[in-house]
């Protein structure tokens, strides 16, 4: 019998420092009202100098393990998705593995920008369904504040730091019903962050900052996410009314609202963390899922639609029976 990937536990971590729109308006020409109206963001978290993707991932992972009520030694695969790794190599996943004290385990990173959590979830689902793994730990951990040009008001208003974790286990009960991931490299130049050691495209004195053509990215995100909603529902022979919760990537409230409208959902059925967290890239879906489960809104037996869109372009979705 093919096993199903079932959610066992979730975890999350947000750094202590809160940087508000008013704080940002002191250094760039913007305002709280301007930012909030266009993005839905009021504040975001900023990692302390001593914090890293691995240190934040460790905290989120330990919470997910505790909530799953399993031993860390029972985990046989760790996947970390991040665009801000501690090192070029070894992988952040290997660093987290050592921090968690897990020996008999495979660990690797996935890079799919803001869609990383969905790509990692799809990989984990396949590992569990084929019997190659029984318990898989997924972590999205991002230090977006370190790759943002804080003099560029088009990008510095959007991003924040944090880590989310998800522990999946093999189960006979329904869990991950389907995953859908896609990429199109034709749009690489619309949203990218160069590696300053090898890439000379950036004009900020060789520093590696996020570059984004916001209007084009916004239009592509809305239309692409609408298509993947249809794809996901059709693959599962479900209607829009069968979805209890939408857990989207937290990039922009207008993108989230457009996806909810496509599903004929009220925003009351959408887990939104954007206002106080900003865009935490690959961590955002996992942080939102953790919040929705932790506060009791998401209940066992409900259908959850996760979706994300990111640089590459990459995009993905997952339908999960919690």
C-alpha atoms as a PDB file:
ATOM      1  CA  UNK A   1       0.000   0.000   0.000  1.00  0.00           C
ATOM      2  CA  UNK A   2       1.304   3.459  -0.935  1.00  0.00           C
ATOM      3  CA  UNK A   3       1.805   5.673   2.094  1.00  0.00           C
ATOM      4  CA  UNK A   4       0.417   9.183   2.346  1.00  0.00           C
ATOM      5  CA  UNK A   5       2.380  12.195   3.572  1.00  0.00           C
ATOM      6  CA  UNK A   6       0.485  13.458   6.620  1.00  0.00           C
ATOM      7  CA  UNK A   7       1.174  16.638   8.605  1.00  0.00           C
ATOM      8  CA  UNK A   8       2.534  15.643  12.020  1.00  0.00           C
ATOM      9  CA  UNK A   9       3.613  19.047  13.311  1.00  0.00           C
ATOM     10  CA  UNK A  10       4.528  22.608  12.388  1.00  0.00           C
ATOM     11  CA  UNK A  11       6.866  25.225  13.813  1.00  0.00           C
ATOM     12  CA  UNK A  12       7.854  28.821  13.295  1.00  0.00           C
ATOM     13  CA  UNK A  13      10.331  31.460  14.366  1.00  0.00           C
ATOM     14  CA  UNK A  14      10.326  35.236  13.951  1.00  0.00           C
ATOM     15  CA  UNK A  15      13.230  37.455  15.053  1.00  0.00           C
ATOM     16  CA  UNK A  16      12.616  39.906  17.881  1.00  0.00           C
ATOM     17  CA  UNK A  17      13.234  43.172  16.017  1.00  0.00           C
ATOM     18  CA  UNK A  18      10.144  44.748  14.438  1.00  0.00           C
ATOM     19  CA  UNK A  19      10.756  47.262  11.667  1.00  0.00           C
ATOM     20  CA  UNK A  20       7.642  49.289  10.876  1.00  0.00           C
ATOM     21  CA  UNK A  21       6.693  51.233   7.779  1.00  0.00           C
ATOM     22  CA  UNK A  22       7.264  54.416   9.781  1.00  0.00           C
ATOM     23  CA  UNK A  23      10.805  53.251  10.512  1.00  0.00           C
ATOM     24  CA  UNK A  24      11.468  52.759   6.811  1.00  0.00           C
ATOM     25  CA  UNK A  25       9.945  56.128   5.923  1.00  0.00           C
ATOM     26  CA  UNK A  26      12.737  57.797   7.921  1.00  0.00           C
ATOM     27  CA  UNK A  27      15.348  56.624   5.399  1.00  0.00           C
ATOM     28  CA  UNK A  28      13.479  56.437   2.062  1.00  0.00           C
ATOM     29  CA  UNK A  29      10.744  58.542   0.467  1.00  0.00           C
ATOM     30  CA  UNK A  30       7.650  56.591   1.479  1.00  0.00           C
ATOM     31  CA  UNK A  31       4.982  56.436   4.173  1.00  0.00           C
ATOM     32  CA  UNK A  32       3.037  53.902   6.195  1.00  0.00           C
ATOM     33  CA  UNK A  33      -0.145  54.696   4.247  1.00  0.00           C
ATOM     34  CA  UNK A  34       1.590  54.355   0.847  1.00  0.00           C
ATOM     35  CA  UNK A  35       3.138  50.988   1.720  1.00  0.00           C
ATOM     36  CA  UNK A  36       0.039  49.530   3.358  1.00  0.00           C
ATOM     37  CA  UNK A  37      -2.302  50.566   0.547  1.00  0.00           C
ATOM     38  CA  UNK A  38      -0.126  48.914  -2.110  1.00  0.00           C
ATOM     39  CA  UNK A  39       1.091  45.830  -0.254  1.00  0.00           C
ATOM     40  CA  UNK A  40      -0.927  45.175   2.909  1.00  0.00           C
ATOM     41  CA  UNK A  41       2.267  45.291   4.989  1.00  0.00           C
ATOM     42  CA  UNK A  42       2.574  47.259   8.248  1.00  0.00           C
ATOM     43  CA  UNK A  43       5.783  45.780   9.674  1.00  0.00           C
ATOM     44  CA  UNK A  44       8.321  43.012   9.261  1.00  0.00           C
ATOM     45  CA  UNK A  45      10.847  41.152  11.448  1.00  0.00           C
ATOM     46  CA  UNK A  46      14.595  41.715  11.130  1.00  0.00           C
ATOM     47  CA  UNK A  47      17.142  39.122  12.227  1.00  0.00           C
ATOM     48  CA  UNK A  48      19.806  40.080  14.744  1.00  0.00           C
ATOM     49  CA  UNK A  49      23.435  40.170  13.513  1.00  0.00           C
ATOM     50  CA  UNK A  50      24.247  36.866  15.196  1.00  0.00           C
ATOM     51  CA  UNK A  51      21.280  35.059  13.647  1.00  0.00           C
ATOM     52  CA  UNK A  52      21.518  32.971  10.471  1.00  0.00           C
ATOM     53  CA  UNK A  53      19.292  30.850   8.256  1.00  0.00           C
ATOM     54  CA  UNK A  54      20.491  27.768  10.146  1.00  0.00           C
ATOM     55  CA  UNK A  55      19.969  29.218  13.626  1.00  0.00           C
ATOM     56  CA  UNK A  56      16.411  30.309  12.806  1.00  0.00           C
ATOM     57  CA  UNK A  57      15.711  26.997  11.071  1.00  0.00           C
ATOM     58  CA  UNK A  58      16.844  25.101  14.158  1.00  0.00           C
ATOM     59  CA  UNK A  59      14.338  26.889  16.382  1.00  0.00           C
ATOM     60  CA  UNK A  60      11.427  26.362  13.970  1.00  0.00           C
ATOM     61  CA  UNK A  61      12.437  22.714  13.476  1.00  0.00           C
ATOM     62  CA  UNK A  62      12.563  21.952  17.190  1.00  0.00           C
ATOM     63  CA  UNK A  63       9.067  23.369  17.595  1.00  0.00           C
ATOM     64  CA  UNK A  64       7.743  21.230  14.726  1.00  0.00           C
ATOM     65  CA  UNK A  65       9.392  18.131  16.196  1.00  0.00           C
ATOM     66  CA  UNK A  66       7.884  18.853  19.620  1.00  0.00           C
ATOM     67  CA  UNK A  67       4.430  19.438  18.121  1.00  0.00           C
ATOM     68  CA  UNK A  68       4.721  16.185  16.159  1.00  0.00           C
ATOM     69  CA  UNK A  69       5.616  14.344  19.386  1.00  0.00           C
ATOM     70  CA  UNK A  70       8.330  12.271  17.723  1.00  0.00           C
ATOM     71  CA  UNK A  71      12.037  11.878  18.397  1.00  0.00           C
ATOM     72  CA  UNK A  72      14.435  13.849  16.206  1.00  0.00           C
ATOM     73  CA  UNK A  73      16.237  10.554  15.552  1.00  0.00           C
ATOM     74  CA  UNK A  74      13.112   9.319  13.729  1.00  0.00           C
ATOM     75  CA  UNK A  75      13.619  11.905  10.963  1.00  0.00           C
ATOM     76  CA  UNK A  76      15.227  10.393   7.891  1.00  0.00           C
ATOM     77  CA  UNK A  77      15.167  13.384   5.525  1.00  0.00           C
ATOM     78  CA  UNK A  78      15.719  17.114   6.078  1.00  0.00           C
ATOM     79  CA  UNK A  79      15.008  19.598   3.299  1.00  0.00           C
ATOM     80  CA  UNK A  80      15.836  23.271   3.834  1.00  0.00           C
ATOM     81  CA  UNK A  81      14.716  25.840   1.310  1.00  0.00           C
ATOM     82  CA  UNK A  82      16.478  29.183   1.448  1.00  0.00           C
ATOM     83  CA  UNK A  83      17.827  31.919  -0.769  1.00  0.00           C
ATOM     84  CA  UNK A  84      20.098  33.158   2.019  1.00  0.00           C
ATOM     85  CA  UNK A  85      22.132  30.090   3.051  1.00  0.00           C
ATOM     86  CA  UNK A  86      24.802  30.230   5.724  1.00  0.00           C
ATOM     87  CA  UNK A  87      27.375  28.922   3.229  1.00  0.00           C
ATOM     88  CA  UNK A  88      27.658  28.216  -0.470  1.00  0.00           C
ATOM     89  CA  UNK A  89      28.434  24.733   0.856  1.00  0.00           C
ATOM     90  CA  UNK A  90      27.830  22.761   2.964  1.00  0.00           C
ATOM     91  CA  UNK A  91      24.074  23.015   2.638  1.00  0.00           C
ATOM     92  CA  UNK A  92      22.105  24.771   5.358  1.00  0.00           C
ATOM     93  CA  UNK A  93      20.237  21.480   5.773  1.00  0.00           C
ATOM     94  CA  UNK A  94      23.465  19.727   6.783  1.00  0.00           C
ATOM     95  CA  UNK A  95      24.199  22.492   9.297  1.00  0.00           C
ATOM     96  CA  UNK A  96      20.694  22.115  10.745  1.00  0.00           C
ATOM     97  CA  UNK A  97      21.123  18.343  10.843  1.00  0.00           C
ATOM     98  CA  UNK A  98      24.202  18.774  13.014  1.00  0.00           C
ATOM     99  CA  UNK A  99      22.439  21.300  15.247  1.00  0.00           C
ATOM    100  CA  UNK A 100      19.575  18.845  15.772  1.00  0.00           C
ATOM    101  CA  UNK A 101      21.974  15.989  16.516  1.00  0.00           C
ATOM    102  CA  UNK A 102      20.538  13.685  13.842  1.00  0.00           C
ATOM    103  CA  UNK A 103      23.051  11.202  12.420  1.00  0.00           C
ATOM    104  CA  UNK A 104      21.236   8.698  10.195  1.00  0.00           C
ATOM    105  CA  UNK A 105      19.542  11.192   7.921  1.00  0.00           C
ATOM    106  CA  UNK A 106      19.754  12.640   4.415  1.00  0.00           C
ATOM    107  CA  UNK A 107      19.903  16.449   4.261  1.00  0.00           C
ATOM    108  CA  UNK A 108      19.932  18.857   1.325  1.00  0.00           C
ATOM    109  CA  UNK A 109      18.829  22.336   0.266  1.00  0.00           C
ATOM    110  CA  UNK A 110      16.283  23.371  -2.356  1.00  0.00           C
ATOM    111  CA  UNK A 111      16.445  26.731  -4.138  1.00  0.00           C
ATOM    112  CA  UNK A 112      13.206  27.814  -5.785  1.00  0.00           C
ATOM    113  CA  UNK A 113      12.943  31.334  -4.319  1.00  0.00           C
ATOM    114  CA  UNK A 114       9.509  32.092  -2.832  1.00  0.00           C
ATOM    115  CA  UNK A 115       8.120  28.806  -4.183  1.00  0.00           C
ATOM    116  CA  UNK A 116      10.715  26.784  -2.283  1.00  0.00           C
ATOM    117  CA  UNK A 117       8.301  25.445   0.324  1.00  0.00           C
ATOM    118  CA  UNK A 118       6.011  24.019  -2.378  1.00  0.00           C
ATOM    119  CA  UNK A 119       8.920  22.485  -4.297  1.00  0.00           C
ATOM    120  CA  UNK A 120      10.235  20.944  -1.068  1.00  0.00           C
ATOM    121  CA  UNK A 121       6.786  19.667  -0.165  1.00  0.00           C
ATOM    122  CA  UNK A 122       6.461  18.014  -3.568  1.00  0.00           C
ATOM    123  CA  UNK A 123       9.841  16.301  -3.124  1.00  0.00           C
ATOM    124  CA  UNK A 124       8.971  15.170   0.412  1.00  0.00           C
ATOM    125  CA  UNK A 125       5.642  13.788  -0.786  1.00  0.00           C
ATOM    126  CA  UNK A 126       7.401  11.647  -3.388  1.00  0.00           C
ATOM    127  CA  UNK A 127       9.937  10.341  -0.874  1.00  0.00           C
ATOM    128  CA  UNK A 128       7.155   9.261   1.476  1.00  0.00           C
ATOM    129  CA  UNK A 129       4.868   7.816  -1.193  1.00  0.00           C
ATOM    130  CA  UNK A 130       7.686   5.673  -2.615  1.00  0.00           C
ATOM    131  CA  UNK A 131       8.725   4.461   0.827  1.00  0.00           C
ATOM    132  CA  UNK A 132      12.154   6.113   0.590  1.00  0.00           C
ATOM    133  CA  UNK A 133      11.435   8.100   3.779  1.00  0.00           C
ATOM    134  CA  UNK A 134       8.994   7.870   6.681  1.00  0.00           C
ATOM    135  CA  UNK A 135       9.447  11.213   8.439  1.00  0.00           C
ATOM    136  CA  UNK A 136      10.518  14.319   6.523  1.00  0.00           C
ATOM    137  CA  UNK A 137      11.365  17.689   8.036  1.00  0.00           C
ATOM    138  CA  UNK A 138      10.847  20.698   5.738  1.00  0.00           C
ATOM    139  CA  UNK A 139      12.174  24.109   6.711  1.00  0.00           C
ATOM    140  CA  UNK A 140      12.035  27.473   4.978  1.00  0.00           C
ATOM    141  CA  UNK A 141      14.433  29.981   6.521  1.00  0.00           C
ATOM    142  CA  UNK A 142      15.208  33.412   5.108  1.00  0.00           C
ATOM    143  CA  UNK A 143      17.292  36.471   5.946  1.00  0.00           C
ATOM    144  CA  UNK A 144      15.778  38.730   3.310  1.00  0.00           C
ATOM    145  CA  UNK A 145      16.948  41.820   5.194  1.00  0.00           C
ATOM    146  CA  UNK A 146      20.552  40.911   4.301  1.00  0.00           C
ATOM    147  CA  UNK A 147      19.929  40.990   0.522  1.00  0.00           C
ATOM    148  CA  UNK A 148      17.640  44.032   0.395  1.00  0.00           C
ATOM    149  CA  UNK A 149      18.939  47.424  -0.679  1.00  0.00           C
ATOM    150  CA  UNK A 150      17.516  49.588   2.095  1.00  0.00           C
ATOM    151  CA  UNK A 151      17.770  52.673  -0.144  1.00  0.00           C
ATOM    152  CA  UNK A 152      15.475  51.117  -2.783  1.00  0.00           C
ATOM    153  CA  UNK A 153      11.903  51.809  -1.748  1.00  0.00           C
ATOM    154  CA  UNK A 154      10.552  49.427  -4.390  1.00  0.00           C
ATOM    155  CA  UNK A 155      11.979  46.385  -2.592  1.00  0.00           C
ATOM    156  CA  UNK A 156      12.962  47.335   0.957  1.00  0.00           C
ATOM    157  CA  UNK A 157       9.316  47.781   1.981  1.00  0.00           C
ATOM    158  CA  UNK A 158       8.409  44.212   1.060  1.00  0.00           C
ATOM    159  CA  UNK A 159      10.671  41.738   2.796  1.00  0.00           C
ATOM    160  CA  UNK A 160      11.199  40.318   6.270  1.00  0.00           C
ATOM    161  CA  UNK A 161      13.048  37.510   8.036  1.00  0.00           C
ATOM    162  CA  UNK A 162      11.830  34.283   9.616  1.00  0.00           C
ATOM    163  CA  UNK A 163      11.662  30.504   9.492  1.00  0.00           C
ATOM    164  CA  UNK A 164       8.825  28.009   9.196  1.00  0.00           C
ATOM    165  CA  UNK A 165       8.936  24.235   9.573  1.00  0.00           C
ATOM    166  CA  UNK A 166       6.701  21.312   8.657  1.00  0.00           C
ATOM    167  CA  UNK A 167       7.091  17.692   9.709  1.00  0.00           C
ATOM    168  CA  UNK A 168       5.478  15.107   7.438  1.00  0.00           C
ATOM    169  CA  UNK A 169       5.073  11.435   8.284  1.00  0.00           C
ATOM    170  CA  UNK A 170       3.960   8.320   6.428  1.00  0.00           C
ATOM    171  CA  UNK A 171       0.312   7.505   7.137  1.00  0.00           C
ATOM    172  CA  UNK A 172      -2.515   5.340   5.840  1.00  0.00           C
ATOM    173  CA  UNK A 173      -4.828   8.345   6.257  1.00  0.00           C
ATOM    174  CA  UNK A 174      -5.156  10.975   3.496  1.00  0.00           C
ATOM    175  CA  UNK A 175      -2.623  13.788   3.749  1.00  0.00           C
ATOM    176  CA  UNK A 176      -0.941  15.490   0.807  1.00  0.00           C
ATOM    177  CA  UNK A 177      -3.499  14.886  -1.940  1.00  0.00           C
ATOM    178  CA  UNK A 178      -1.488  16.390  -4.776  1.00  0.00           C
ATOM    179  CA  UNK A 179       1.375  18.783  -5.531  1.00  0.00           C
ATOM    180  CA  UNK A 180       1.947  20.828  -8.670  1.00  0.00           C
ATOM    181  CA  UNK A 181       5.219  22.623  -9.428  1.00  0.00           C
ATOM    182  CA  UNK A 182       6.349  24.606 -12.484  1.00  0.00           C
ATOM    183  CA  UNK A 183       9.208  26.778 -13.725  1.00  0.00           C
ATOM    184  CA  UNK A 184       9.831  29.134 -16.647  1.00  0.00           C
ATOM    185  CA  UNK A 185      13.347  30.553 -16.890  1.00  0.00           C
ATOM    186  CA  UNK A 186      12.336  33.008 -19.624  1.00  0.00           C
ATOM    187  CA  UNK A 187      11.507  35.517 -16.894  1.00  0.00           C
ATOM    188  CA  UNK A 188      14.790  35.346 -14.949  1.00  0.00           C
ATOM    189  CA  UNK A 189      15.547  39.039 -15.392  1.00  0.00           C
ATOM    190  CA  UNK A 190      12.280  40.249 -13.844  1.00  0.00           C
ATOM    191  CA  UNK A 191      13.231  39.171 -10.319  1.00  0.00           C
ATOM    192  CA  UNK A 192      16.726  38.140  -9.296  1.00  0.00           C
ATOM    193  CA  UNK A 193      19.458  38.491  -6.696  1.00  0.00           C
ATOM    194  CA  UNK A 194      23.003  38.151  -8.066  1.00  0.00           C
ATOM    195  CA  UNK A 195      25.814  36.336  -6.317  1.00  0.00           C
ATOM    196  CA  UNK A 196      28.300  39.212  -5.893  1.00  0.00           C
ATOM    197  CA  UNK A 197      31.282  36.874  -6.072  1.00  0.00           C
ATOM    198  CA  UNK A 198      30.463  35.588  -9.553  1.00  0.00           C
ATOM    199  CA  UNK A 199      27.803  37.810 -11.094  1.00  0.00           C
ATOM    200  CA  UNK A 200      28.413  41.380 -12.281  1.00  0.00           C
ATOM    201  CA  UNK A 201      24.844  42.387 -13.300  1.00  0.00           C
ATOM    202  CA  UNK A 202      24.177  44.319 -10.111  1.00  0.00           C
ATOM    203  CA  UNK A 203      24.991  48.015 -10.299  1.00  0.00           C
ATOM    204  CA  UNK A 204      25.271  48.540  -6.527  1.00  0.00           C
ATOM    205  CA  UNK A 205      29.072  48.365  -6.334  1.00  0.00           C
ATOM    206  CA  UNK A 206      29.036  44.616  -6.774  1.00  0.00           C
ATOM    207  CA  UNK A 207      26.762  43.929  -3.802  1.00  0.00           C
ATOM    208  CA  UNK A 208      24.120  41.219  -4.109  1.00  0.00           C
ATOM    209  CA  UNK A 209      20.751  42.911  -3.729  1.00  0.00           C
ATOM    210  CA  UNK A 210      17.267  41.898  -4.823  1.00  0.00           C
ATOM    211  CA  UNK A 211      16.334  43.392  -8.200  1.00  0.00           C
ATOM    212  CA  UNK A 212      12.664  43.382  -9.165  1.00  0.00           C
ATOM    213  CA  UNK A 213      10.458  44.797 -11.905  1.00  0.00           C
ATOM    214  CA  UNK A 214       7.432  44.933  -9.675  1.00  0.00           C
ATOM    215  CA  UNK A 215       4.600  45.587 -12.111  1.00  0.00           C
ATOM    216  CA  UNK A 216       5.570  42.748 -14.436  1.00  0.00           C
ATOM    217  CA  UNK A 217       6.043  40.334 -11.538  1.00  0.00           C
ATOM    218  CA  UNK A 218       2.668  41.284 -10.074  1.00  0.00           C
ATOM    219  CA  UNK A 219       0.810  40.658 -13.355  1.00  0.00           C
ATOM    220  CA  UNK A 220       2.504  37.309 -13.918  1.00  0.00           C
ATOM    221  CA  UNK A 221       1.865  36.195 -10.339  1.00  0.00           C
ATOM    222  CA  UNK A 222      -1.873  36.905 -10.481  1.00  0.00           C
ATOM    223  CA  UNK A 223      -2.493  35.137 -13.804  1.00  0.00           C
ATOM    224  CA  UNK A 224      -0.205  32.200 -13.014  1.00  0.00           C
ATOM    225  CA  UNK A 225      -1.722  31.534  -9.596  1.00  0.00           C
ATOM    226  CA  UNK A 226      -5.219  31.638 -11.094  1.00  0.00           C
ATOM    227  CA  UNK A 227      -4.193  28.885 -13.518  1.00  0.00           C
ATOM    228  CA  UNK A 228      -2.669  26.694 -10.835  1.00  0.00           C
ATOM    229  CA  UNK A 229      -5.857  26.907  -8.752  1.00  0.00           C
ATOM    230  CA  UNK A 230      -7.756  25.396 -11.689  1.00  0.00           C
ATOM    231  CA  UNK A 231      -5.039  22.788 -12.217  1.00  0.00           C
ATOM    232  CA  UNK A 232      -5.151  21.694  -8.578  1.00  0.00           C
ATOM    233  CA  UNK A 233      -8.935  21.445  -8.384  1.00  0.00           C
ATOM    234  CA  UNK A 234      -9.176  19.527 -11.661  1.00  0.00           C
ATOM    235  CA  UNK A 235      -6.469  17.063 -10.577  1.00  0.00           C
ATOM    236  CA  UNK A 236      -8.509  16.193  -7.482  1.00  0.00           C
ATOM    237  CA  UNK A 237     -11.995  16.378  -9.038  1.00  0.00           C
ATOM    238  CA  UNK A 238     -12.965  19.011  -6.497  1.00  0.00           C
ATOM    239  CA  UNK A 239     -14.920  22.245  -6.693  1.00  0.00           C
ATOM    240  CA  UNK A 240     -13.989  25.579  -5.193  1.00  0.00           C
ATOM    241  CA  UNK A 241     -16.483  24.959  -2.386  1.00  0.00           C
ATOM    242  CA  UNK A 242     -14.456  21.912  -1.261  1.00  0.00           C
ATOM    243  CA  UNK A 243     -11.521  24.086  -0.159  1.00  0.00           C
ATOM    244  CA  UNK A 244     -11.718  25.122   3.488  1.00  0.00           C
ATOM    245  CA  UNK A 245      -8.538  27.215   3.716  1.00  0.00           C
ATOM    246  CA  UNK A 246      -6.189  29.036   1.384  1.00  0.00           C
ATOM    247  CA  UNK A 247      -2.619  29.336   2.691  1.00  0.00           C
ATOM    248  CA  UNK A 248      -0.831  31.540   0.143  1.00  0.00           C
ATOM    249  CA  UNK A 249       2.659  32.908  -0.236  1.00  0.00           C
ATOM    250  CA  UNK A 250       2.650  36.266   1.529  1.00  0.00           C
ATOM    251  CA  UNK A 251       3.903  38.666  -1.153  1.00  0.00           C
ATOM    252  CA  UNK A 252       1.163  41.239  -1.653  1.00  0.00           C
ATOM    253  CA  UNK A 253      -2.386  41.487  -0.323  1.00  0.00           C
ATOM    254  CA  UNK A 254      -3.710  42.252  -3.807  1.00  0.00           C
ATOM    255  CA  UNK A 255      -2.277  38.990  -5.167  1.00  0.00           C
ATOM    256  CA  UNK A 256      -3.732  37.096  -2.209  1.00  0.00           C
ATOM    257  CA  UNK A 257      -7.135  38.748  -2.686  1.00  0.00           C
ATOM    258  CA  UNK A 258      -7.132  37.894  -6.401  1.00  0.00           C
ATOM    259  CA  UNK A 259      -6.498  34.208  -5.644  1.00  0.00           C
ATOM    260  CA  UNK A 260      -9.230  34.198  -2.993  1.00  0.00           C
ATOM    261  CA  UNK A 261     -11.627  35.763  -5.482  1.00  0.00           C
ATOM    262  CA  UNK A 262     -10.767  33.041  -7.988  1.00  0.00           C
ATOM    263  CA  UNK A 263     -11.774  30.478  -5.343  1.00  0.00           C
ATOM    264  CA  UNK A 264     -14.883  32.524  -4.428  1.00  0.00           C
ATOM    265  CA  UNK A 265     -13.503  32.678  -0.894  1.00  0.00           C
ATOM    266  CA  UNK A 266     -13.844  35.330   1.738  1.00  0.00           C
ATOM    267  CA  UNK A 267     -10.557  36.590   3.146  1.00  0.00           C
ATOM    268  CA  UNK A 268     -11.810  35.057   6.402  1.00  0.00           C
ATOM    269  CA  UNK A 269     -10.906  31.696   4.822  1.00  0.00           C
ATOM    270  CA  UNK A 270      -7.375  32.841   3.993  1.00  0.00           C
ATOM    271  CA  UNK A 271      -4.427  32.687   6.384  1.00  0.00           C
ATOM    272  CA  UNK A 272      -2.787  36.111   6.062  1.00  0.00           C
ATOM    273  CA  UNK A 273       0.408  36.930   7.977  1.00  0.00           C
ATOM    274  CA  UNK A 274       1.611  39.609   5.574  1.00  0.00           C
ATOM    275  CA  UNK A 275       0.641  42.636   7.655  1.00  0.00           C
ATOM    276  CA  UNK A 276       3.090  41.921  10.478  1.00  0.00           C
ATOM    277  CA  UNK A 277       5.658  39.702   8.724  1.00  0.00           C
ATOM    278  CA  UNK A 278       6.056  41.037   5.193  1.00  0.00           C
ATOM    279  CA  UNK A 279       7.346  38.702   2.508  1.00  0.00           C
ATOM    280  CA  UNK A 280       9.578  36.060   4.111  1.00  0.00           C
ATOM    281  CA  UNK A 281      10.130  34.324   0.763  1.00  0.00           C
ATOM    282  CA  UNK A 282      10.294  30.521   1.079  1.00  0.00           C
ATOM    283  CA  UNK A 283       9.415  30.689   4.781  1.00  0.00           C
ATOM    284  CA  UNK A 284       6.101  32.495   4.280  1.00  0.00           C
ATOM    285  CA  UNK A 285       3.789  29.597   3.378  1.00  0.00           C
ATOM    286  CA  UNK A 286       5.187  27.453   6.198  1.00  0.00           C
ATOM    287  CA  UNK A 287       4.866  30.305   8.712  1.00  0.00           C
ATOM    288  CA  UNK A 288       1.279  30.957   7.616  1.00  0.00           C
ATOM    289  CA  UNK A 289       0.412  27.251   7.820  1.00  0.00           C
ATOM    290  CA  UNK A 290       1.925  27.085  11.301  1.00  0.00           C
ATOM    291  CA  UNK A 291      -0.088  30.097  12.427  1.00  0.00           C
ATOM    292  CA  UNK A 292      -3.355  28.744  11.050  1.00  0.00           C
ATOM    293  CA  UNK A 293      -2.861  25.398  12.774  1.00  0.00           C
ATOM    294  CA  UNK A 294      -1.518  26.849  16.016  1.00  0.00           C
ATOM    295  CA  UNK A 295      -4.398  29.270  16.543  1.00  0.00           C
ATOM    296  CA  UNK A 296      -6.965  26.550  15.856  1.00  0.00           C
ATOM    297  CA  UNK A 297      -8.482  27.903  12.672  1.00  0.00           C
ATOM    298  CA  UNK A 298      -7.303  24.951  10.582  1.00  0.00           C
ATOM    299  CA  UNK A 299      -8.913  21.768  11.869  1.00  0.00           C
ATOM    300  CA  UNK A 300      -8.256  18.073  11.196  1.00  0.00           C
ATOM    301  CA  UNK A 301     -10.119  16.787   8.161  1.00  0.00           C
ATOM    302  CA  UNK A 302     -10.194  20.131   6.359  1.00  0.00           C
ATOM    303  CA  UNK A 303      -8.822  20.706   2.855  1.00  0.00           C
ATOM    304  CA  UNK A 304      -6.012  23.248   2.615  1.00  0.00           C
ATOM    305  CA  UNK A 305      -4.730  24.793  -0.604  1.00  0.00           C
ATOM    306  CA  UNK A 306      -1.150  26.056  -0.446  1.00  0.00           C
ATOM    307  CA  UNK A 307       0.258  28.130  -3.303  1.00  0.00           C
ATOM    308  CA  UNK A 308       3.291  30.281  -4.099  1.00  0.00           C
ATOM    309  CA  UNK A 309       5.001  32.192  -6.895  1.00  0.00           C
ATOM    310  CA  UNK A 310       8.639  33.226  -6.984  1.00  0.00           C
ATOM    311  CA  UNK A 311      11.739  34.178  -8.931  1.00  0.00           C
ATOM    312  CA  UNK A 312      12.698  31.913 -11.767  1.00  0.00           C
ATOM    313  CA  UNK A 313       9.815  32.147 -12.409  1.00  0.00           C
ATOM    314  CA  UNK A 314       8.756  29.260 -10.226  1.00  0.00           C
ATOM    315  CA  UNK A 315       5.289  28.500  -8.959  1.00  0.00           C
ATOM    316  CA  UNK A 316       3.545  25.686  -7.174  1.00  0.00           C
ATOM    317  CA  UNK A 317       0.566  24.455  -5.219  1.00  0.00           C
ATOM    318  CA  UNK A 318      -0.385  21.623  -2.891  1.00  0.00           C
ATOM    319  CA  UNK A 319      -3.724  20.327  -1.755  1.00  0.00           C
ATOM    320  CA  UNK A 320      -3.597  18.831   1.736  1.00  0.00           C
ATOM    321  CA  UNK A 321      -6.210  17.144   3.896  1.00  0.00           C
ATOM    322  CA  UNK A 322      -5.105  18.136   7.367  1.00  0.00           C
END
